[in-house]
């Protein structure tokens, strides 16, 4: 049976970054990109900015499939916190958790400074500083304040950063180790997420913890190395799952 790999994208993104993953992950892995409300084909839905709204949007579909064979979560940047939040919620509901929680370019929850009360509203200037820091600021006419990029991307990015803040705050309000192995992946030239911030995920699991580095900046999700790495990890998780399964009655 294939391992289902649920993938969650970074802030401001849809699921196009996972378009080549089915081929790159290799055999035995069914890639399932998860589109959050408020973008692409779900653009008419309200974007979640808090934990409860996120779970209302995603939990039921994934919970329905949680008992149907092994699955793995991969989340990139914001997506890492989405994957962590869903893992906690599924386990709290008594459902089988993922065989592996993989996060990329995502600092552990306790390594990011909580925003002050005065930081509740995120200005355009803060958003542009953020996209500049991670190397995704537009150039040319798209950089103009009234450009299509500003009108289309900044509102999504603003809500996604609010969601990230909410998910980190919720994780800190109910800290605890997950009985799930964690793979934390960083980019060799990521300007914002340090190896130390990734190593800190060790404090959030009672299972095996592994950190790996792949070539690239903050958006190494688009390169070939990450899906190959995650695909191998999925196959390892499947083998461990099969070895731990009880032997059917009457089997030799």
Foldseek 3Di string as FASTA:
>chain_A
DAAEEEEAEAFLDFQVLCVCLVVLLDPRYHYHYDGAACDDPRVVDDGDLALVVLCVGPQPVVQVCQVVDAYEYEYAALGLLSLVSSQVVCVVVVTHGHQEREYELYFDLVVDDQDDPVCLAQDPVNVQVVCVQQVNQDDDPCNDCPHPCNVRRVVRNRSSVSNSSNSSVVCVVPPDADQHEYEYEYEPAARPQDPVRRVVCVRRHPDHYYYYYDHDYSVCSNPSPVSNVVSVVSVVSNVVVVVPDDDDPPDD
